[in-house]
């Protein structure tokens, strides 16, 4: 058993939970970060299984427990509190999802409705306008479906990438992702256009059908306690694009969502969790009240509103780890990164 699991086994135990109730209240905000809720075995998943946060059963258990220990609110609730010049609520929790996958509607939304809970979904709007695979899912799909034993992609690695077996395919995908996040948006797009040919994979024409949320689903959820936030237009690495494109990616995402749901969009999530002072300034200029990053921690008012940390939920977390991360983040998240 890992040190994290050992700590979680104690801190998440019901006998330790009174310690949390007796702990001083500091007005910090916990923000959970999910991507996908999915019930298919990860080894059979055609896309990036690392983005599966939980199964439906696990998500229901997590949300049911969370609502009994925290006040689950929305960013709109938080904004109202601040506009009224009140301190941040104590021991509150916001539930978020990145990217806008269709399973947020088919798997997560029914559970949230059943438990009467709000959540926030961050969407990259061009994928709703013109359904297609997210670029990281296209990488995973090509890696998983190639029949080539190895391929030398000089842009990515000096050594050939092995595609023999599930573990090797996953390592190759991660290596391609690591490289692609370091290059310009133009170079990324050129490479993605070449990748199916490099791996001798044919992407089915209907591959992205029902893969992302559509605007009808978004509007329906928006009318039932689900809040939507910006996540750019095309999901670039924001630190790798020009100043003009940065402004459009951030502001354009807000405009598109507001046009479709006829509600103000208050919060932005940085694609891949990466930002800089210039990116944060652009988010503020676009009129967002908050933005979230993807590093582990809890949010405090003194840290500002434009790089709020979150607590990631991963499919390999035990329920005890989920509990302990929320109850004792100062211990569980110390030295970790999401």
C-alpha atoms as a PDB file:
ATOM      1  CA  UNK A   1       0.000   0.000   0.000  1.00  0.00           C
ATOM      2  CA  UNK A   2       1.385   3.437  -0.951  1.00  0.00           C
ATOM      3  CA  UNK A   3       2.043   6.183   1.602  1.00  0.00           C
ATOM      4  CA  UNK A   4      -0.883   8.135   0.151  1.00  0.00           C
ATOM      5  CA  UNK A   5      -3.238   5.188   0.610  1.00  0.00           C
ATOM      6  CA  UNK A   6      -1.980   4.617   4.144  1.00  0.00           C
ATOM      7  CA  UNK A   7      -2.560   8.267   5.018  1.00  0.00           C
ATOM      8  CA  UNK A   8      -5.965   8.196   3.347  1.00  0.00           C
ATOM      9  CA  UNK A   9      -6.960   5.027   5.176  1.00  0.00           C
ATOM     10  CA  UNK A  10      -6.511   6.889   8.459  1.00  0.00           C
ATOM     11  CA  UNK A  11      -7.606  10.410   7.503  1.00  0.00           C
ATOM     12  CA  UNK A  12     -10.606   9.253   5.516  1.00  0.00           C
ATOM     13  CA  UNK A  13     -11.772   6.881   8.221  1.00  0.00           C
ATOM     14  CA  UNK A  14     -14.983   7.817  10.003  1.00  0.00           C
ATOM     15  CA  UNK A  15     -13.125   7.837  13.329  1.00  0.00           C
ATOM     16  CA  UNK A  16     -10.806  10.590  12.037  1.00  0.00           C
ATOM     17  CA  UNK A  17     -13.542  12.764  10.574  1.00  0.00           C
ATOM     18  CA  UNK A  18     -14.394  14.438  13.915  1.00  0.00           C
ATOM     19  CA  UNK A  19     -10.869  15.915  13.798  1.00  0.00           C
ATOM     20  CA  UNK A  20     -11.896  17.768  10.649  1.00  0.00           C
ATOM     21  CA  UNK A  21     -15.090  19.044  12.240  1.00  0.00           C
ATOM     22  CA  UNK A  22     -13.086  20.427  15.158  1.00  0.00           C
ATOM     23  CA  UNK A  23     -10.462  22.055  12.926  1.00  0.00           C
ATOM     24  CA  UNK A  24     -10.423  25.879  12.695  1.00  0.00           C
ATOM     25  CA  UNK A  25     -12.536  27.349   9.909  1.00  0.00           C
ATOM     26  CA  UNK A  26     -10.419  29.372   7.471  1.00  0.00           C
ATOM     27  CA  UNK A  27     -12.912  30.150   4.704  1.00  0.00           C
ATOM     28  CA  UNK A  28     -11.009  28.187   2.063  1.00  0.00           C
ATOM     29  CA  UNK A  29     -12.694  26.871  -1.045  1.00  0.00           C
ATOM     30  CA  UNK A  30     -12.273  23.345  -2.374  1.00  0.00           C
ATOM     31  CA  UNK A  31     -12.767  22.854  -6.121  1.00  0.00           C
ATOM     32  CA  UNK A  32     -12.986  19.326  -7.501  1.00  0.00           C
ATOM     33  CA  UNK A  33     -11.705  18.758 -11.043  1.00  0.00           C
ATOM     34  CA  UNK A  34     -13.207  15.970 -13.161  1.00  0.00           C
ATOM     35  CA  UNK A  35     -12.989  15.234 -16.873  1.00  0.00           C
ATOM     36  CA  UNK A  36     -14.989  12.141 -17.802  1.00  0.00           C
ATOM     37  CA  UNK A  37     -17.458   9.845 -16.051  1.00  0.00           C
ATOM     38  CA  UNK A  38     -17.318   6.535 -17.895  1.00  0.00           C
ATOM     39  CA  UNK A  39     -18.156   2.902 -17.227  1.00  0.00           C
ATOM     40  CA  UNK A  40     -16.192   1.160 -19.980  1.00  0.00           C
ATOM     41  CA  UNK A  41     -12.971  -0.610 -18.874  1.00  0.00           C
ATOM     42  CA  UNK A  42      -9.998   1.699 -19.434  1.00  0.00           C
ATOM     43  CA  UNK A  43      -8.090  -0.957 -21.358  1.00  0.00           C
ATOM     44  CA  UNK A  44     -10.919  -1.102 -23.935  1.00  0.00           C
ATOM     45  CA  UNK A  45     -11.359   2.660 -24.198  1.00  0.00           C
ATOM     46  CA  UNK A  46     -10.652   4.022 -27.691  1.00  0.00           C
ATOM     47  CA  UNK A  47      -9.492   7.444 -26.549  1.00  0.00           C
ATOM     48  CA  UNK A  48      -7.412   8.934 -23.716  1.00  0.00           C
ATOM     49  CA  UNK A  49      -8.285   6.794 -20.712  1.00  0.00           C
ATOM     50  CA  UNK A  50      -6.230   9.035 -18.442  1.00  0.00           C
ATOM     51  CA  UNK A  51      -9.146  11.495 -18.572  1.00  0.00           C
ATOM     52  CA  UNK A  52     -11.621   9.016 -17.071  1.00  0.00           C
ATOM     53  CA  UNK A  53     -12.097  10.416 -13.566  1.00  0.00           C
ATOM     54  CA  UNK A  54     -14.607   7.913 -12.203  1.00  0.00           C
ATOM     55  CA  UNK A  55     -17.305   5.434 -13.090  1.00  0.00           C
ATOM     56  CA  UNK A  56     -20.960   6.390 -12.622  1.00  0.00           C
ATOM     57  CA  UNK A  57     -21.115   4.311  -9.446  1.00  0.00           C
ATOM     58  CA  UNK A  58     -17.983   5.935  -8.033  1.00  0.00           C
ATOM     59  CA  UNK A  59     -19.180   9.420  -8.965  1.00  0.00           C
ATOM     60  CA  UNK A  60     -22.531   8.847  -7.253  1.00  0.00           C
ATOM     61  CA  UNK A  61     -20.773   7.659  -4.101  1.00  0.00           C
ATOM     62  CA  UNK A  62     -18.390  10.627  -4.154  1.00  0.00           C
ATOM     63  CA  UNK A  63     -21.141  13.209  -4.656  1.00  0.00           C
ATOM     64  CA  UNK A  64     -23.438  11.648  -2.062  1.00  0.00           C
ATOM     65  CA  UNK A  65     -20.662  11.741   0.508  1.00  0.00           C
ATOM     66  CA  UNK A  66     -19.528  15.254  -0.467  1.00  0.00           C
ATOM     67  CA  UNK A  67     -22.997  16.773  -0.092  1.00  0.00           C
ATOM     68  CA  UNK A  68     -23.201  15.398   3.457  1.00  0.00           C
ATOM     69  CA  UNK A  69     -19.889  16.985   4.489  1.00  0.00           C
ATOM     70  CA  UNK A  70     -19.715  20.192   2.445  1.00  0.00           C
ATOM     71  CA  UNK A  71     -21.952  22.914   1.093  1.00  0.00           C
ATOM     72  CA  UNK A  72     -21.729  22.418  -2.674  1.00  0.00           C
ATOM     73  CA  UNK A  73     -22.122  25.750  -4.449  1.00  0.00           C
ATOM     74  CA  UNK A  74     -21.579  27.331  -7.875  1.00  0.00           C
ATOM     75  CA  UNK A  75     -19.275  30.126  -8.968  1.00  0.00           C
ATOM     76  CA  UNK A  76     -22.407  32.264  -9.290  1.00  0.00           C
ATOM     77  CA  UNK A  77     -23.061  31.684  -5.585  1.00  0.00           C
ATOM     78  CA  UNK A  78     -19.485  32.665  -4.817  1.00  0.00           C
ATOM     79  CA  UNK A  79     -19.786  35.775  -6.971  1.00  0.00           C
ATOM     80  CA  UNK A  80     -22.986  36.847  -5.220  1.00  0.00           C
ATOM     81  CA  UNK A  81     -21.240  36.471  -1.895  1.00  0.00           C
ATOM     82  CA  UNK A  82     -18.365  38.682  -3.022  1.00  0.00           C
ATOM     83  CA  UNK A  83     -20.636  41.300  -4.578  1.00  0.00           C
ATOM     84  CA  UNK A  84     -22.378  41.571  -1.228  1.00  0.00           C
ATOM     85  CA  UNK A  85     -18.952  42.020   0.392  1.00  0.00           C
ATOM     86  CA  UNK A  86     -19.280  38.880   2.463  1.00  0.00           C
ATOM     87  CA  UNK A  87     -16.431  36.560   3.380  1.00  0.00           C
ATOM     88  CA  UNK A  88     -16.084  33.389   1.332  1.00  0.00           C
ATOM     89  CA  UNK A  89     -18.375  30.687   2.681  1.00  0.00           C
ATOM     90  CA  UNK A  90     -16.684  28.177   4.949  1.00  0.00           C
ATOM     91  CA  UNK A  91     -16.148  24.547   4.047  1.00  0.00           C
ATOM     92  CA  UNK A  92     -17.702  24.937   0.645  1.00  0.00           C
ATOM     93  CA  UNK A  93     -17.071  22.894  -2.464  1.00  0.00           C
ATOM     94  CA  UNK A  94     -17.438  23.496  -6.197  1.00  0.00           C
ATOM     95  CA  UNK A  95     -17.594  20.561  -8.623  1.00  0.00           C
ATOM     96  CA  UNK A  96     -16.056  21.163 -12.070  1.00  0.00           C
ATOM     97  CA  UNK A  97     -15.577  19.270 -15.329  1.00  0.00           C
ATOM     98  CA  UNK A  98     -13.079  20.208 -18.035  1.00  0.00           C
ATOM     99  CA  UNK A  99     -13.515  20.026 -21.821  1.00  0.00           C
ATOM    100  CA  UNK A 100     -17.217  19.325 -22.326  1.00  0.00           C
ATOM    101  CA  UNK A 101     -17.448  15.609 -23.024  1.00  0.00           C
ATOM    102  CA  UNK A 102     -20.877  14.179 -23.844  1.00  0.00           C
ATOM    103  CA  UNK A 103     -20.656  11.795 -20.889  1.00  0.00           C
ATOM    104  CA  UNK A 104     -20.963  14.826 -18.610  1.00  0.00           C
ATOM    105  CA  UNK A 105     -24.563  14.852 -19.873  1.00  0.00           C
ATOM    106  CA  UNK A 106     -25.246  11.117 -20.185  1.00  0.00           C
ATOM    107  CA  UNK A 107     -23.439   9.901 -17.036  1.00  0.00           C
ATOM    108  CA  UNK A 108     -22.799  12.784 -14.608  1.00  0.00           C
ATOM    109  CA  UNK A 109     -25.842  14.990 -15.143  1.00  0.00           C
ATOM    110  CA  UNK A 110     -28.458  12.395 -14.073  1.00  0.00           C
ATOM    111  CA  UNK A 111     -26.556  11.852 -10.818  1.00  0.00           C
ATOM    112  CA  UNK A 112     -26.228  15.570 -10.153  1.00  0.00           C
ATOM    113  CA  UNK A 113     -29.966  15.997 -10.802  1.00  0.00           C
ATOM    114  CA  UNK A 114     -30.840  13.106  -8.506  1.00  0.00           C
ATOM    115  CA  UNK A 115     -28.780  14.598  -5.687  1.00  0.00           C
ATOM    116  CA  UNK A 116     -29.868  18.164  -6.524  1.00  0.00           C
ATOM    117  CA  UNK A 117     -26.297  19.409  -6.873  1.00  0.00           C
ATOM    118  CA  UNK A 118     -24.813  22.205  -8.980  1.00  0.00           C
ATOM    119  CA  UNK A 119     -21.658  21.789 -11.041  1.00  0.00           C
ATOM    120  CA  UNK A 120     -19.599  23.775 -13.536  1.00  0.00           C
ATOM    121  CA  UNK A 121     -18.591  22.466 -16.965  1.00  0.00           C
ATOM    122  CA  UNK A 122     -15.825  24.192 -18.929  1.00  0.00           C
ATOM    123  CA  UNK A 123     -16.267  23.874 -22.697  1.00  0.00           C
ATOM    124  CA  UNK A 124     -14.036  24.535 -25.708  1.00  0.00           C
ATOM    125  CA  UNK A 125     -16.683  26.009 -27.956  1.00  0.00           C
ATOM    126  CA  UNK A 126     -15.476  25.140 -31.464  1.00  0.00           C
ATOM    127  CA  UNK A 127     -15.917  21.438 -30.656  1.00  0.00           C
ATOM    128  CA  UNK A 128     -19.619  22.066 -30.071  1.00  0.00           C
ATOM    129  CA  UNK A 129     -19.917  24.093 -33.292  1.00  0.00           C
ATOM    130  CA  UNK A 130     -18.080  21.515 -35.442  1.00  0.00           C
ATOM    131  CA  UNK A 131     -17.888  18.115 -33.725  1.00  0.00           C
ATOM    132  CA  UNK A 132     -14.462  16.494 -34.010  1.00  0.00           C
ATOM    133  CA  UNK A 133     -12.021  14.711 -31.735  1.00  0.00           C
ATOM    134  CA  UNK A 134     -10.039  16.699 -29.231  1.00  0.00           C
ATOM    135  CA  UNK A 135      -6.412  16.587 -30.353  1.00  0.00           C
ATOM    136  CA  UNK A 136      -5.263  14.526 -27.358  1.00  0.00           C
ATOM    137  CA  UNK A 137      -7.994  11.972 -28.011  1.00  0.00           C
ATOM    138  CA  UNK A 138      -6.943  11.818 -31.679  1.00  0.00           C
ATOM    139  CA  UNK A 139      -3.383  11.062 -30.531  1.00  0.00           C
ATOM    140  CA  UNK A 140      -4.621   8.302 -28.209  1.00  0.00           C
ATOM    141  CA  UNK A 141      -6.883   6.842 -30.883  1.00  0.00           C
ATOM    142  CA  UNK A 142      -4.100   6.699 -33.479  1.00  0.00           C
ATOM    143  CA  UNK A 143      -1.645   5.186 -30.992  1.00  0.00           C
ATOM    144  CA  UNK A 144      -4.134   2.526 -29.904  1.00  0.00           C
ATOM    145  CA  UNK A 145      -5.195   1.562 -33.416  1.00  0.00           C
ATOM    146  CA  UNK A 146      -1.893   1.464 -35.273  1.00  0.00           C
ATOM    147  CA  UNK A 147      -0.696  -1.990 -36.284  1.00  0.00           C
ATOM    148  CA  UNK A 148       2.888  -0.789 -36.671  1.00  0.00           C
ATOM    149  CA  UNK A 149       5.247  -2.254 -34.023  1.00  0.00           C
ATOM    150  CA  UNK A 150       7.304   0.941 -33.845  1.00  0.00           C
ATOM    151  CA  UNK A 151       7.598   4.291 -35.613  1.00  0.00           C
ATOM    152  CA  UNK A 152      10.413   6.795 -35.702  1.00  0.00           C
ATOM    153  CA  UNK A 153       8.895  10.267 -35.393  1.00  0.00           C
ATOM    154  CA  UNK A 154      11.948  12.502 -35.375  1.00  0.00           C
ATOM    155  CA  UNK A 155       9.960  15.558 -34.265  1.00  0.00           C
ATOM    156  CA  UNK A 156       8.998  13.774 -31.066  1.00  0.00           C
ATOM    157  CA  UNK A 157      11.932  11.538 -30.163  1.00  0.00           C
ATOM    158  CA  UNK A 158      15.402  10.579 -31.343  1.00  0.00           C
ATOM    159  CA  UNK A 159      14.469   6.941 -30.711  1.00  0.00           C
ATOM    160  CA  UNK A 160      11.637   4.999 -32.382  1.00  0.00           C
ATOM    161  CA  UNK A 161       8.383   4.896 -30.416  1.00  0.00           C
ATOM    162  CA  UNK A 162       7.138   1.399 -29.615  1.00  0.00           C
ATOM    163  CA  UNK A 163       3.474   0.545 -30.152  1.00  0.00           C
ATOM    164  CA  UNK A 164       3.636  -3.097 -29.071  1.00  0.00           C
ATOM    165  CA  UNK A 165       1.046  -3.629 -26.369  1.00  0.00           C
ATOM    166  CA  UNK A 166      -1.277  -1.379 -24.387  1.00  0.00           C
ATOM    167  CA  UNK A 167       1.393  -0.062 -22.008  1.00  0.00           C
ATOM    168  CA  UNK A 168       3.742   0.831 -24.869  1.00  0.00           C
ATOM    169  CA  UNK A 169       0.965   2.593 -26.769  1.00  0.00           C
ATOM    170  CA  UNK A 170       0.139   4.638 -23.677  1.00  0.00           C
ATOM    171  CA  UNK A 171       3.800   5.591 -23.197  1.00  0.00           C
ATOM    172  CA  UNK A 172       4.020   6.599 -26.858  1.00  0.00           C
ATOM    173  CA  UNK A 173       0.885   8.739 -26.527  1.00  0.00           C
ATOM    174  CA  UNK A 174       2.336  10.458 -23.476  1.00  0.00           C
ATOM    175  CA  UNK A 175       5.601  11.107 -25.298  1.00  0.00           C
ATOM    176  CA  UNK A 176       3.753  12.690 -28.225  1.00  0.00           C
ATOM    177  CA  UNK A 177       1.639  14.761 -25.837  1.00  0.00           C
ATOM    178  CA  UNK A 178       4.705  15.948 -23.938  1.00  0.00           C
ATOM    179  CA  UNK A 179       6.307  17.147 -27.174  1.00  0.00           C
ATOM    180  CA  UNK A 180       3.196  18.683 -28.689  1.00  0.00           C
ATOM    181  CA  UNK A 181       2.570  20.835 -25.634  1.00  0.00           C
ATOM    182  CA  UNK A 182       5.973  22.450 -26.117  1.00  0.00           C
ATOM    183  CA  UNK A 183       5.566  23.630 -29.716  1.00  0.00           C
ATOM    184  CA  UNK A 184       3.659  26.443 -31.393  1.00  0.00           C
ATOM    185  CA  UNK A 185       0.004  26.074 -32.275  1.00  0.00           C
ATOM    186  CA  UNK A 186       0.862  26.081 -35.984  1.00  0.00           C
ATOM    187  CA  UNK A 187       3.381  23.256 -35.579  1.00  0.00           C
ATOM    188  CA  UNK A 188       0.917  21.300 -33.467  1.00  0.00           C
ATOM    189  CA  UNK A 189      -1.786  21.577 -36.122  1.00  0.00           C
ATOM    190  CA  UNK A 190       0.581  20.536 -38.918  1.00  0.00           C
ATOM    191  CA  UNK A 191       1.693  17.511 -36.924  1.00  0.00           C
ATOM    192  CA  UNK A 192      -1.860  16.466 -36.076  1.00  0.00           C
ATOM    193  CA  UNK A 193      -2.763  16.551 -39.766  1.00  0.00           C
ATOM    194  CA  UNK A 194       0.127  14.134 -40.456  1.00  0.00           C
ATOM    195  CA  UNK A 195      -0.277  11.790 -37.512  1.00  0.00           C
ATOM    196  CA  UNK A 196      -2.865   9.341 -38.953  1.00  0.00           C
ATOM    197  CA  UNK A 197      -0.644   8.791 -41.990  1.00  0.00           C
ATOM    198  CA  UNK A 198       2.480   8.434 -39.847  1.00  0.00           C
ATOM    199  CA  UNK A 199       0.808   5.655 -37.852  1.00  0.00           C
ATOM    200  CA  UNK A 200      -1.128   4.273 -40.819  1.00  0.00           C
ATOM    201  CA  UNK A 201      -4.477   4.750 -39.128  1.00  0.00           C
ATOM    202  CA  UNK A 202      -7.730   5.743 -40.780  1.00  0.00           C
ATOM    203  CA  UNK A 203     -10.023   7.858 -38.607  1.00  0.00           C
ATOM    204  CA  UNK A 204     -13.669   6.832 -39.210  1.00  0.00           C
ATOM    205  CA  UNK A 205     -15.785   9.700 -40.519  1.00  0.00           C
ATOM    206  CA  UNK A 206     -18.224   9.392 -37.605  1.00  0.00           C
ATOM    207  CA  UNK A 207     -15.511   9.036 -34.965  1.00  0.00           C
ATOM    208  CA  UNK A 208     -16.488  12.229 -33.145  1.00  0.00           C
ATOM    209  CA  UNK A 209     -20.238  11.605 -33.300  1.00  0.00           C
ATOM    210  CA  UNK A 210     -21.754  12.209 -29.848  1.00  0.00           C
ATOM    211  CA  UNK A 211     -18.261  12.618 -28.386  1.00  0.00           C
ATOM    212  CA  UNK A 212     -18.706  16.185 -27.102  1.00  0.00           C
ATOM    213  CA  UNK A 213     -21.663  18.002 -25.658  1.00  0.00           C
ATOM    214  CA  UNK A 214     -23.917  19.779 -28.116  1.00  0.00           C
ATOM    215  CA  UNK A 215     -25.533  23.162 -27.586  1.00  0.00           C
ATOM    216  CA  UNK A 216     -28.977  21.653 -26.988  1.00  0.00           C
ATOM    217  CA  UNK A 217     -27.604  19.560 -24.108  1.00  0.00           C
ATOM    218  CA  UNK A 218     -25.713  22.561 -22.759  1.00  0.00           C
ATOM    219  CA  UNK A 219     -28.845  24.714 -22.796  1.00  0.00           C
ATOM    220  CA  UNK A 220     -30.853  21.979 -21.065  1.00  0.00           C
ATOM    221  CA  UNK A 221     -28.282  21.548 -18.315  1.00  0.00           C
ATOM    222  CA  UNK A 222     -27.893  25.306 -17.933  1.00  0.00           C
ATOM    223  CA  UNK A 223     -31.560  25.456 -16.958  1.00  0.00           C
ATOM    224  CA  UNK A 224     -31.052  22.785 -14.297  1.00  0.00           C
ATOM    225  CA  UNK A 225     -28.290  24.030 -11.982  1.00  0.00           C
ATOM    226  CA  UNK A 226     -25.332  23.321 -14.269  1.00  0.00           C
ATOM    227  CA  UNK A 227     -23.089  26.327 -14.808  1.00  0.00           C
ATOM    228  CA  UNK A 228     -20.895  26.698 -17.891  1.00  0.00           C
ATOM    229  CA  UNK A 229     -17.489  28.293 -18.123  1.00  0.00           C
ATOM    230  CA  UNK A 230     -15.013  29.175 -20.839  1.00  0.00           C
ATOM    231  CA  UNK A 231     -12.247  26.778 -21.795  1.00  0.00           C
ATOM    232  CA  UNK A 232     -11.078  28.587 -24.951  1.00  0.00           C
ATOM    233  CA  UNK A 233     -12.359  28.040 -28.489  1.00  0.00           C
ATOM    234  CA  UNK A 234      -9.931  25.401 -29.818  1.00  0.00           C
ATOM    235  CA  UNK A 235      -8.147  24.285 -26.608  1.00  0.00           C
ATOM    236  CA  UNK A 236      -4.639  25.503 -27.471  1.00  0.00           C
ATOM    237  CA  UNK A 237      -1.803  25.817 -25.006  1.00  0.00           C
ATOM    238  CA  UNK A 238      -2.453  29.470 -24.230  1.00  0.00           C
ATOM    239  CA  UNK A 239       1.180  30.249 -23.501  1.00  0.00           C
ATOM    240  CA  UNK A 240       2.120  29.036 -27.005  1.00  0.00           C
ATOM    241  CA  UNK A 241      -0.092  31.362 -29.078  1.00  0.00           C
ATOM    242  CA  UNK A 242       0.066  34.985 -30.216  1.00  0.00           C
ATOM    243  CA  UNK A 243      -1.381  37.849 -28.188  1.00  0.00           C
ATOM    244  CA  UNK A 244      -4.172  38.377 -30.734  1.00  0.00           C
ATOM    245  CA  UNK A 245      -5.151  34.718 -30.745  1.00  0.00           C
ATOM    246  CA  UNK A 246      -5.002  34.634 -26.958  1.00  0.00           C
ATOM    247  CA  UNK A 247      -7.553  37.428 -26.701  1.00  0.00           C
ATOM    248  CA  UNK A 248      -9.907  35.739 -29.180  1.00  0.00           C
ATOM    249  CA  UNK A 249      -9.605  32.272 -27.624  1.00  0.00           C
ATOM    250  CA  UNK A 250     -10.538  33.626 -24.203  1.00  0.00           C
ATOM    251  CA  UNK A 251     -13.116  36.279 -25.059  1.00  0.00           C
ATOM    252  CA  UNK A 252     -14.627  34.320 -27.968  1.00  0.00           C
ATOM    253  CA  UNK A 253     -15.329  31.331 -25.754  1.00  0.00           C
ATOM    254  CA  UNK A 254     -17.270  33.552 -23.358  1.00  0.00           C
ATOM    255  CA  UNK A 255     -19.277  35.168 -26.153  1.00  0.00           C
ATOM    256  CA  UNK A 256     -20.238  31.844 -27.715  1.00  0.00           C
ATOM    257  CA  UNK A 257     -21.485  30.295 -24.477  1.00  0.00           C
ATOM    258  CA  UNK A 258     -23.408  33.406 -23.457  1.00  0.00           C
ATOM    259  CA  UNK A 259     -25.062  33.545 -26.888  1.00  0.00           C
ATOM    260  CA  UNK A 260     -26.318  29.988 -26.565  1.00  0.00           C
ATOM    261  CA  UNK A 261     -27.417  29.906 -22.932  1.00  0.00           C
ATOM    262  CA  UNK A 262     -28.342  33.588 -22.477  1.00  0.00           C
ATOM    263  CA  UNK A 263     -26.557  33.744 -19.130  1.00  0.00           C
ATOM    264  CA  UNK A 264     -23.419  35.482 -17.959  1.00  0.00           C
ATOM    265  CA  UNK A 265     -20.295  33.325 -17.980  1.00  0.00           C
ATOM    266  CA  UNK A 266     -18.258  34.031 -14.858  1.00  0.00           C
ATOM    267  CA  UNK A 267     -15.387  31.568 -14.896  1.00  0.00           C
ATOM    268  CA  UNK A 268     -12.642  30.322 -17.202  1.00  0.00           C
ATOM    269  CA  UNK A 269     -10.506  27.182 -16.958  1.00  0.00           C
ATOM    270  CA  UNK A 270      -7.022  27.207 -18.474  1.00  0.00           C
ATOM    271  CA  UNK A 271      -6.589  24.495 -21.123  1.00  0.00           C
ATOM    272  CA  UNK A 272      -4.047  21.984 -19.807  1.00  0.00           C
ATOM    273  CA  UNK A 273      -4.027  24.075 -16.648  1.00  0.00           C
ATOM    274  CA  UNK A 274      -1.297  26.346 -18.012  1.00  0.00           C
ATOM    275  CA  UNK A 275      -1.317  30.116 -17.633  1.00  0.00           C
ATOM    276  CA  UNK A 276       0.964  33.089 -17.181  1.00  0.00           C
ATOM    277  CA  UNK A 277       0.451  36.632 -15.950  1.00  0.00           C
ATOM    278  CA  UNK A 278      -0.321  37.673 -19.530  1.00  0.00           C
ATOM    279  CA  UNK A 279      -2.928  34.916 -19.843  1.00  0.00           C
ATOM    280  CA  UNK A 280      -4.485  35.811 -16.495  1.00  0.00           C
ATOM    281  CA  UNK A 281      -4.644  39.471 -17.523  1.00  0.00           C
ATOM    282  CA  UNK A 282      -6.428  38.481 -20.739  1.00  0.00           C
ATOM    283  CA  UNK A 283      -8.974  36.458 -18.745  1.00  0.00           C
ATOM    284  CA  UNK A 284      -9.658  39.439 -16.522  1.00  0.00           C
ATOM    285  CA  UNK A 285     -10.003  41.805 -19.505  1.00  0.00           C
ATOM    286  CA  UNK A 286     -12.518  39.429 -21.094  1.00  0.00           C
ATOM    287  CA  UNK A 287     -14.805  39.947 -18.114  1.00  0.00           C
ATOM    288  CA  UNK A 288     -14.470  36.693 -16.228  1.00  0.00           C
ATOM    289  CA  UNK A 289     -14.666  36.941 -12.444  1.00  0.00           C
ATOM    290  CA  UNK A 290     -12.652  33.755 -11.805  1.00  0.00           C
ATOM    291  CA  UNK A 291     -10.338  31.293 -13.484  1.00  0.00           C
ATOM    292  CA  UNK A 292      -9.153  27.864 -12.443  1.00  0.00           C
ATOM    293  CA  UNK A 293      -5.805  26.186 -12.951  1.00  0.00           C
ATOM    294  CA  UNK A 294      -4.841  22.525 -12.646  1.00  0.00           C
ATOM    295  CA  UNK A 295      -2.460  22.400  -9.734  1.00  0.00           C
ATOM    296  CA  UNK A 296      -3.360  20.783  -6.443  1.00  0.00           C
ATOM    297  CA  UNK A 297      -4.576  22.840  -3.531  1.00  0.00           C
ATOM    298  CA  UNK A 298      -7.442  24.782  -2.022  1.00  0.00           C
ATOM    299  CA  UNK A 299      -8.324  28.379  -2.838  1.00  0.00           C
ATOM    300  CA  UNK A 300      -7.983  31.266  -0.408  1.00  0.00           C
ATOM    301  CA  UNK A 301      -9.264  34.810  -1.009  1.00  0.00           C
ATOM    302  CA  UNK A 302      -5.776  36.220  -0.406  1.00  0.00           C
ATOM    303  CA  UNK A 303      -4.457  34.310  -3.444  1.00  0.00           C
ATOM    304  CA  UNK A 304      -6.659  36.189  -5.900  1.00  0.00           C
ATOM    305  CA  UNK A 305      -9.329  34.873  -8.248  1.00  0.00           C
ATOM    306  CA  UNK A 306      -7.445  34.182 -11.488  1.00  0.00           C
ATOM    307  CA  UNK A 307      -5.482  31.039 -10.718  1.00  0.00           C
ATOM    308  CA  UNK A 308      -7.653  29.015  -8.366  1.00  0.00           C
ATOM    309  CA  UNK A 309      -6.187  25.582  -7.558  1.00  0.00           C
ATOM    310  CA  UNK A 310      -8.283  22.450  -7.702  1.00  0.00           C
ATOM    311  CA  UNK A 311      -8.342  18.910  -6.360  1.00  0.00           C
ATOM    312  CA  UNK A 312      -8.178  16.487  -9.273  1.00  0.00           C
ATOM    313  CA  UNK A 313     -10.192  13.264  -9.184  1.00  0.00           C
ATOM    314  CA  UNK A 314      -8.522  10.311 -10.885  1.00  0.00           C
ATOM    315  CA  UNK A 315      -9.971   6.914 -11.666  1.00  0.00           C
ATOM    316  CA  UNK A 316      -7.263   5.112  -9.682  1.00  0.00           C
ATOM    317  CA  UNK A 317      -8.107   7.003  -6.473  1.00  0.00           C
ATOM    318  CA  UNK A 318      -9.641   4.889  -3.758  1.00  0.00           C
ATOM    319  CA  UNK A 319     -12.693   6.309  -2.031  1.00  0.00           C
ATOM    320  CA  UNK A 320     -10.528   6.840   1.052  1.00  0.00           C
ATOM    321  CA  UNK A 321      -8.146   9.025  -0.983  1.00  0.00           C
ATOM    322  CA  UNK A 322     -11.092  11.025  -2.322  1.00  0.00           C
ATOM    323  CA  UNK A 323     -12.355  11.609   1.220  1.00  0.00           C
ATOM    324  CA  UNK A 324      -8.957  12.459   2.680  1.00  0.00           C
ATOM    325  CA  UNK A 325      -8.090  14.853  -0.172  1.00  0.00           C
ATOM    326  CA  UNK A 326     -11.181  16.874   0.669  1.00  0.00           C
ATOM    327  CA  UNK A 327     -11.076  16.614   4.440  1.00  0.00           C
ATOM    328  CA  UNK A 328      -7.332  17.167   4.911  1.00  0.00           C
ATOM    329  CA  UNK A 329      -5.944  18.789   1.718  1.00  0.00           C
ATOM    330  CA  UNK A 330      -3.088  20.404   3.619  1.00  0.00           C
ATOM    331  CA  UNK A 331      -1.729  16.945   4.380  1.00  0.00           C
ATOM    332  CA  UNK A 332      -2.854  14.928   1.376  1.00  0.00           C
ATOM    333  CA  UNK A 333      -2.009  17.423  -1.374  1.00  0.00           C
ATOM    334  CA  UNK A 334       1.316  18.595   0.019  1.00  0.00           C
ATOM    335  CA  UNK A 335       3.975  18.168  -2.637  1.00  0.00           C
ATOM    336  CA  UNK A 336       1.500  16.768  -5.180  1.00  0.00           C
ATOM    337  CA  UNK A 337       0.620  18.161  -8.569  1.00  0.00           C
ATOM    338  CA  UNK A 338      -2.513  17.603 -10.603  1.00  0.00           C
END
